[in-house]
Amino acid sequence: MHRGTSFPVGKVDFLDLFPLNFFEFLNALGEDDLVKLIKSNDYELIKVFSSKFIDYLKQYLYIGGMPEVVNAFIHNKDYNEVREIQNKLLIDYEQDFSKHAPNNIVPRIRALWNNIPTQLSKENKKFIYGLVKEGARAREYETALAWLIDCGLIYQINRVNDCKIPLAAYQDFNSFKLYLLDPGLLCAMAKIDSSSILEGNELLVEFKGSLTEQFVLTELKSNTDVPIFYWSSDKGIAKLDYIIQLGKNNIPIEVKSSENLQAKSLKTFVEKYNTKINIRTSLSDYREEEWLTNIPLYIIGNIENIIK
């Protein structure tokens, strides 16, 4: 895209840098022993500390993993300061759009970026261009979308219409969901205040579970290197939050934002495709049932080790 700029092919190593995930957030707060406990897979002992994990999870959903935000919270424990820095970061990102992106697509980048919380508030979180601007079409926003994805500011999760290996071969590129790079920034964009977290589970059940889905996605992205998709039935009646490919197994994941453990869509999926490993993640403790395993939200980043 930049004429006259060469690139030393084959001589550069790449490293993806993410916001702090939940485990790194605990490390930053000095809770190294809790992280070791999570990675020990000692579920009985993890259960003993579940209330502590849930309290930290609520904090993380509001604070997120942007380094400056986490650093400020460690030193001052001030949620107002946290929000001020988050808002400044959001403003800085928008200023960067003008600095780095072609001028003709900057308004579309801004419109798409600011529309993501609206898209996630829908019951069906499939991205709809018409919600960005009435009458908008895909071709008008394709470049803006690609720009945000390439910059690492958003994640695009495509739908798959089958459950065969490899999942990537069964993508429906016209149906996808968009998420931000960080749950704390989504919290700030959606104007959710800290009391929603600190005074109960309201945050986890409002906003249609979007923050919880955002959390699970960023945990999967930063802790694993597995392909991530979502599934819905052809008629859209049954919807599955995520499906990942781990080795020779396709693993469906249903995300629950509270202790409501009904998993109707997951059951529909399992009956249709007869998958061997089926995951529900919620605030409830770890337990294995006849056809699924419940993994607490706060240890979902350890999913690869749990499954192995």
Protein backbone atom coordinates (compact mmCIF):
# COMPACT_ATOMS: atom_id res chain seq x y z
CA MET A 1 0.00 0.00 0.00
CA HIS A 2 3.03 2.30 0.48
CA ARG A 3 4.90 2.82 -2.74
CA GLY A 4 8.67 2.85 -2.49
CA THR A 5 8.68 1.02 0.86
CA SER A 6 10.44 -2.34 0.75
CA PHE A 7 10.06 -5.20 3.21
CA PRO A 8 12.83 -7.70 4.15
CA VAL A 9 10.92 -10.89 3.33
CA GLY A 10 12.10 -13.93 5.29
CA LYS A 11 14.25 -11.86 7.66
CA VAL A 12 11.62 -10.68 10.15
CA ASP A 13 10.01 -12.52 13.06
CA PHE A 14 6.51 -11.42 14.07
CA LEU A 15 5.00 -11.30 17.54
CA ASP A 16 1.36 -10.39 18.17
CA LEU A 17 0.93 -8.09 21.16
CA PHE A 18 -2.45 -8.11 22.93
CA PRO A 19 -3.91 -6.21 25.88
CA LEU A 20 -3.33 -8.03 29.17
CA ASN A 21 -5.56 -11.09 29.39
CA PHE A 22 -7.23 -12.09 32.65
CA PHE A 23 -4.30 -14.20 33.86
CA GLU A 24 -1.84 -11.36 33.14
CA PHE A 25 -4.21 -8.97 34.90
CA LEU A 26 -4.07 -11.17 38.02
CA ASN A 27 -0.28 -11.29 37.76
CA ALA A 28 -0.17 -7.49 37.54
CA LEU A 29 -2.25 -7.28 40.74
CA GLY A 30 0.24 -9.58 42.49
CA GLU A 31 -2.05 -12.62 42.48
CA ASP A 32 0.51 -15.03 41.00
CA ASP A 33 -0.69 -17.85 43.23
CA LEU A 34 -4.23 -17.61 41.83
CA VAL A 35 -2.87 -17.92 38.29
CA LYS A 36 -0.82 -20.97 39.31
CA LEU A 37 -3.96 -22.46 40.88
CA ILE A 38 -5.94 -21.97 37.65
CA LYS A 39 -3.23 -23.66 35.60
CA SER A 40 -2.97 -26.57 38.06
CA ASN A 41 -6.44 -27.83 37.00
CA ASP A 42 -7.21 -28.54 40.68
CA TYR A 43 -10.92 -27.84 40.29
CA GLU A 44 -11.86 -28.60 43.91
CA LEU A 45 -9.39 -25.99 45.18
CA ILE A 46 -10.37 -23.54 42.43
CA LYS A 47 -13.97 -23.90 43.64
CA VAL A 48 -12.91 -22.79 47.15
CA PHE A 49 -11.65 -19.48 45.72
CA SER A 50 -14.49 -19.01 43.19
CA SER A 51 -15.93 -15.88 44.85
CA LYS A 52 -12.51 -14.24 44.73
CA PHE A 53 -12.07 -15.15 41.07
CA ILE A 54 -15.52 -13.75 40.24
CA ASP A 55 -14.73 -10.46 42.02
CA TYR A 56 -11.53 -10.10 39.99
CA LEU A 57 -13.40 -11.04 36.81
CA LYS A 58 -15.89 -8.22 37.39
CA GLN A 59 -13.01 -5.80 37.88
CA TYR A 60 -11.36 -7.00 34.69
CA LEU A 61 -14.51 -6.62 32.61
CA TYR A 62 -14.60 -2.94 33.58
CA ILE A 63 -10.85 -2.21 33.58
CA GLY A 64 -9.79 -4.43 30.70
CA GLY A 65 -6.19 -5.08 29.77
CA MET A 66 -4.82 -1.87 28.26
CA PRO A 67 -1.45 -1.47 30.07
CA GLU A 68 -1.81 2.19 31.07
CA VAL A 69 -5.31 1.57 32.43
CA VAL A 70 -4.20 -1.44 34.48
CA ASN A 71 -1.13 0.42 35.77
CA ALA A 72 -3.25 3.36 36.93
CA PHE A 73 -5.67 1.03 38.73
CA ILE A 74 -2.83 -0.80 40.50
CA HIS A 75 -1.48 2.48 41.89
CA ASN A 76 -4.66 4.40 42.68
CA LYS A 77 -7.61 1.95 42.70
CA ASP A 78 -9.69 4.74 41.17
CA TYR A 79 -12.42 3.60 38.77
CA ASN A 80 -13.04 7.18 37.63
CA GLU A 81 -9.40 7.46 36.57
CA VAL A 82 -9.75 4.12 34.77
CA ARG A 83 -12.65 5.47 32.71
CA GLU A 84 -10.82 8.74 31.98
CA ILE A 85 -7.86 6.86 30.51
CA GLN A 86 -10.12 4.52 28.54
CA ASN A 87 -11.97 7.49 27.05
CA LYS A 88 -8.66 9.15 26.18
CA LEU A 89 -7.52 5.98 24.43
CA LEU A 90 -10.74 5.87 22.43
CA ILE A 91 -10.27 9.51 21.38
CA ASP A 92 -6.63 8.81 20.47
CA TYR A 93 -7.69 5.89 18.27
CA GLU A 94 -10.12 8.13 16.40
CA GLN A 95 -7.40 10.74 15.91
CA ASP A 96 -5.15 8.00 14.55
CA PHE A 97 -7.75 7.15 11.92
CA SER A 98 -7.18 10.59 10.39
CA LYS A 99 -3.41 10.33 10.69
CA HIS A 100 -2.88 6.90 9.11
CA ALA A 101 -5.91 5.98 6.98
CA PRO A 102 -6.73 7.40 3.53
CA ASN A 103 -8.86 10.52 3.97
CA ASN A 104 -11.74 9.21 1.88
CA ILE A 105 -12.43 6.25 4.20
CA VAL A 106 -11.86 7.95 7.59
CA PRO A 107 -15.57 8.84 8.10
CA ARG A 108 -16.53 5.22 7.36
CA ILE A 109 -13.89 3.87 9.74
CA ARG A 110 -15.24 6.14 12.49
CA ALA A 111 -18.86 5.22 11.79
CA LEU A 112 -18.11 1.48 11.78
CA TRP A 113 -15.91 1.67 14.90
CA ASN A 114 -18.49 3.59 16.94
CA ASN A 115 -21.30 1.30 15.81
CA ILE A 116 -19.86 -1.91 17.27
CA PRO A 117 -21.57 -1.61 20.71
CA THR A 118 -24.89 -1.12 18.89
CA GLN A 119 -24.30 -4.25 16.82
CA LEU A 120 -23.43 -6.28 19.92
CA SER A 121 -26.54 -5.12 21.76
CA LYS A 122 -28.72 -7.02 19.28
CA GLU A 123 -30.06 -10.47 20.13
CA ASN A 124 -28.64 -11.69 16.82
CA LYS A 125 -25.14 -10.23 16.82
CA LYS A 126 -24.52 -10.82 13.12
CA PHE A 127 -23.05 -7.59 11.74
CA ILE A 128 -25.52 -5.57 9.64
CA TYR A 129 -24.17 -2.69 7.53
CA GLY A 130 -27.59 -1.05 7.55
CA LEU A 131 -27.17 -0.31 11.26
CA VAL A 132 -24.03 1.73 10.54
CA LYS A 133 -25.89 3.90 8.03
CA GLU A 134 -29.33 3.40 6.56
CA GLY A 135 -29.04 1.82 3.14
CA ALA A 136 -25.32 1.09 3.55
CA ARG A 137 -23.87 -1.79 1.57
CA ALA A 138 -20.89 -4.04 2.18
CA ARG A 139 -18.75 -2.64 -0.65
CA GLU A 140 -18.94 0.86 0.88
CA TYR A 141 -17.40 -0.31 4.15
CA GLU A 142 -15.13 -3.19 3.09
CA THR A 143 -11.95 -1.09 3.11
CA ALA A 144 -12.82 0.54 6.45
CA LEU A 145 -13.50 -2.89 7.96
CA ALA A 146 -10.22 -4.30 6.63
CA TRP A 147 -8.33 -1.29 8.01
CA LEU A 148 -9.68 -1.78 11.56
CA ILE A 149 -8.98 -5.54 11.45
CA ASP A 150 -5.44 -5.09 10.10
CA CYS A 151 -4.68 -2.57 12.85
CA GLY A 152 -5.75 -5.09 15.48
CA LEU A 153 -8.52 -2.86 16.84
CA ILE A 154 -11.35 -5.28 16.09
CA TYR A 155 -11.85 -9.01 15.56
CA GLN A 156 -14.02 -10.48 12.83
CA ILE A 157 -15.54 -13.87 13.68
CA ASN A 158 -17.09 -15.59 10.69
CA ARG A 159 -20.02 -18.00 10.69
CA VAL A 160 -19.49 -21.61 9.67
CA ASN A 161 -22.34 -23.59 8.12
CA ASP A 162 -20.95 -27.06 8.90
CA CYS A 163 -18.85 -28.84 11.51
CA LYS A 164 -16.19 -30.60 9.46
CA ILE A 165 -12.38 -30.40 9.54
CA PRO A 166 -11.02 -27.89 8.68
CA LEU A 167 -13.59 -25.38 9.88
CA ALA A 168 -12.05 -22.63 7.78
CA ALA A 169 -13.27 -24.40 4.63
CA TYR A 170 -16.90 -23.94 5.70
CA GLN A 171 -16.95 -20.21 6.39
CA ASP A 172 -19.80 -17.99 5.33
CA PHE A 173 -17.95 -14.74 4.63
CA ASN A 174 -21.19 -12.78 4.40
CA SER A 175 -22.14 -13.55 8.00
CA PHE A 176 -19.83 -12.40 10.77
CA LYS A 177 -19.66 -10.77 14.19
CA LEU A 178 -17.33 -7.94 15.21
CA TYR A 179 -15.74 -7.45 18.63
CA LEU A 180 -13.26 -4.94 20.05
CA LEU A 181 -9.71 -5.75 21.10
CA ASP A 182 -10.47 -5.26 24.82
CA PRO A 183 -13.48 -5.73 27.14
CA GLY A 184 -12.65 -2.59 29.12
CA LEU A 185 -12.80 -0.44 25.99
CA LEU A 186 -16.16 -2.00 25.06
CA CYS A 187 -17.37 -1.16 28.56
CA ALA A 188 -16.25 2.46 28.05
CA MET A 189 -17.81 2.74 24.58
CA ALA A 190 -21.09 1.37 25.92
CA LYS A 191 -20.99 3.90 28.83
CA ILE A 192 -21.39 1.20 31.49
CA ASP A 193 -20.43 2.53 34.93
CA SER A 194 -18.36 0.72 37.55
CA SER A 195 -21.26 0.28 40.00
CA SER A 196 -22.87 -2.13 37.52
CA ILE A 197 -19.97 -4.48 38.23
CA LEU A 198 -19.17 -3.85 41.86
CA GLU A 199 -22.73 -4.07 43.18
CA GLY A 200 -23.72 -7.49 41.92
CA ASN A 201 -23.98 -9.43 38.68
CA GLU A 202 -26.03 -6.88 36.75
CA LEU A 203 -23.26 -6.15 34.27
CA LEU A 204 -22.87 -9.79 33.44
CA VAL A 205 -26.52 -10.23 32.48
CA GLU A 206 -27.29 -6.87 30.87
CA PHE A 207 -26.04 -5.77 27.46
CA LYS A 208 -27.31 -9.23 26.31
CA GLY A 209 -24.17 -10.98 27.48
CA SER A 210 -22.03 -9.06 24.99
CA LEU A 211 -19.32 -8.18 27.50
CA THR A 212 -19.05 -11.82 28.52
CA GLU A 213 -18.77 -12.94 24.89
CA GLN A 214 -16.17 -10.22 24.34
CA PHE A 215 -14.22 -11.50 27.35
CA VAL A 216 -14.29 -15.12 26.17
CA LEU A 217 -13.15 -14.15 22.68
CA THR A 218 -10.20 -12.08 23.86
CA GLU A 219 -9.18 -14.85 26.27
CA LEU A 220 -9.22 -17.37 23.40
CA LYS A 221 -7.33 -14.97 21.12
CA SER A 222 -4.54 -14.17 23.58
CA ASN A 223 -4.12 -17.60 25.19
CA THR A 224 -4.51 -19.90 22.18
CA ASP A 225 -3.72 -20.03 18.50
CA VAL A 226 -6.87 -21.87 17.43
CA PRO A 227 -9.24 -20.88 14.61
CA ILE A 228 -12.40 -19.28 16.08
CA PHE A 229 -15.80 -19.12 14.39
CA TYR A 230 -19.47 -19.10 15.36
CA TRP A 231 -22.37 -21.24 14.17
CA SER A 232 -26.07 -20.71 13.58
CA SER A 233 -28.68 -22.93 12.01
CA ASP A 234 -29.76 -22.13 8.46
CA LYS A 235 -33.00 -20.62 9.73
CA GLY A 236 -31.17 -18.79 12.51
CA ILE A 237 -33.24 -20.34 15.29
CA ALA A 238 -30.28 -21.96 17.06
CA LYS A 239 -27.09 -19.93 17.58
CA LEU A 240 -23.78 -21.01 19.07
CA ASP A 241 -21.44 -18.33 20.41
CA TYR A 242 -18.17 -19.92 19.29
CA ILE A 243 -16.75 -23.04 17.73
CA ILE A 244 -13.01 -23.69 17.76
CA GLN A 245 -10.82 -26.27 16.06
CA LEU A 246 -8.34 -27.93 18.41
CA GLY A 247 -6.35 -30.66 16.71
CA LYS A 248 -8.77 -33.17 15.21
CA ASN A 249 -11.72 -31.91 17.28
CA ASN A 250 -14.20 -29.16 16.55
CA ILE A 251 -15.35 -27.87 19.94
CA PRO A 252 -18.57 -25.86 20.37
CA ILE A 253 -18.60 -23.24 23.16
CA GLU A 254 -21.76 -21.72 24.61
CA VAL A 255 -21.21 -18.60 26.72
CA LYS A 256 -23.50 -17.91 29.68
CA SER A 257 -23.27 -14.55 31.44
CA SER A 258 -24.71 -15.83 34.73
CA GLU A 259 -25.50 -19.11 36.44
CA ASN A 260 -28.42 -19.77 34.10
CA LEU A 261 -27.23 -23.08 32.71
CA GLN A 262 -29.76 -23.87 30.01
CA ALA A 263 -27.83 -24.70 26.85
CA LYS A 264 -30.54 -25.23 24.23
CA SER A 265 -28.50 -24.09 21.23
CA LEU A 266 -25.53 -26.18 22.30
CA LYS A 267 -27.75 -29.23 22.68
CA THR A 268 -29.21 -28.63 19.21
CA PHE A 269 -25.69 -28.42 17.78
CA VAL A 270 -24.51 -31.60 19.54
CA GLU A 271 -27.55 -33.55 18.37
CA LYS A 272 -26.91 -32.40 14.80
CA TYR A 273 -23.15 -33.00 14.62
CA ASN A 274 -22.48 -35.49 17.45
CA THR A 275 -19.37 -33.63 18.69
CA LYS A 276 -17.30 -35.38 21.35
CA ILE A 277 -16.17 -32.38 23.40
CA ASN A 278 -18.77 -29.73 24.22
CA ILE A 279 -18.12 -26.68 26.40
CA ARG A 280 -20.41 -24.36 28.29
CA THR A 281 -18.67 -21.51 30.12
CA SER A 282 -20.50 -19.68 32.92
CA LEU A 283 -20.12 -18.40 36.49
CA SER A 284 -20.80 -21.90 37.80
CA ASP A 285 -18.05 -24.22 38.99
CA TYR A 286 -16.23 -26.77 36.86
CA ARG A 287 -18.17 -29.95 36.32
CA GLU A 288 -18.44 -32.69 33.76
CA GLU A 289 -21.90 -33.80 32.71
CA GLU A 290 -23.01 -36.59 30.40
CA TRP A 291 -22.62 -34.62 27.18
CA LEU A 292 -20.90 -31.35 28.14
CA THR A 293 -18.30 -29.82 30.42
CA ASN A 294 -18.95 -26.56 32.30
CA ILE A 295 -15.85 -24.38 32.57
CA PRO A 296 -15.94 -21.31 34.84
CA LEU A 297 -15.55 -18.07 32.88
CA TYR A 298 -12.49 -17.06 34.86
CA ILE A 299 -10.48 -20.11 33.72
CA ILE A 300 -11.63 -20.24 30.07
CA GLY A 301 -8.20 -18.95 28.99
CA ASN A 302 -6.81 -22.30 30.12
CA ILE A 303 -9.13 -24.23 27.80
CA GLU A 304 -6.39 -26.01 25.84
CA ASN A 305 -4.87 -27.51 29.00
CA ILE A 306 -8.30 -28.37 30.40
CA ILE A 307 -9.27 -30.29 27.27
CA LYS A 308 -5.92 -32.06 27.03
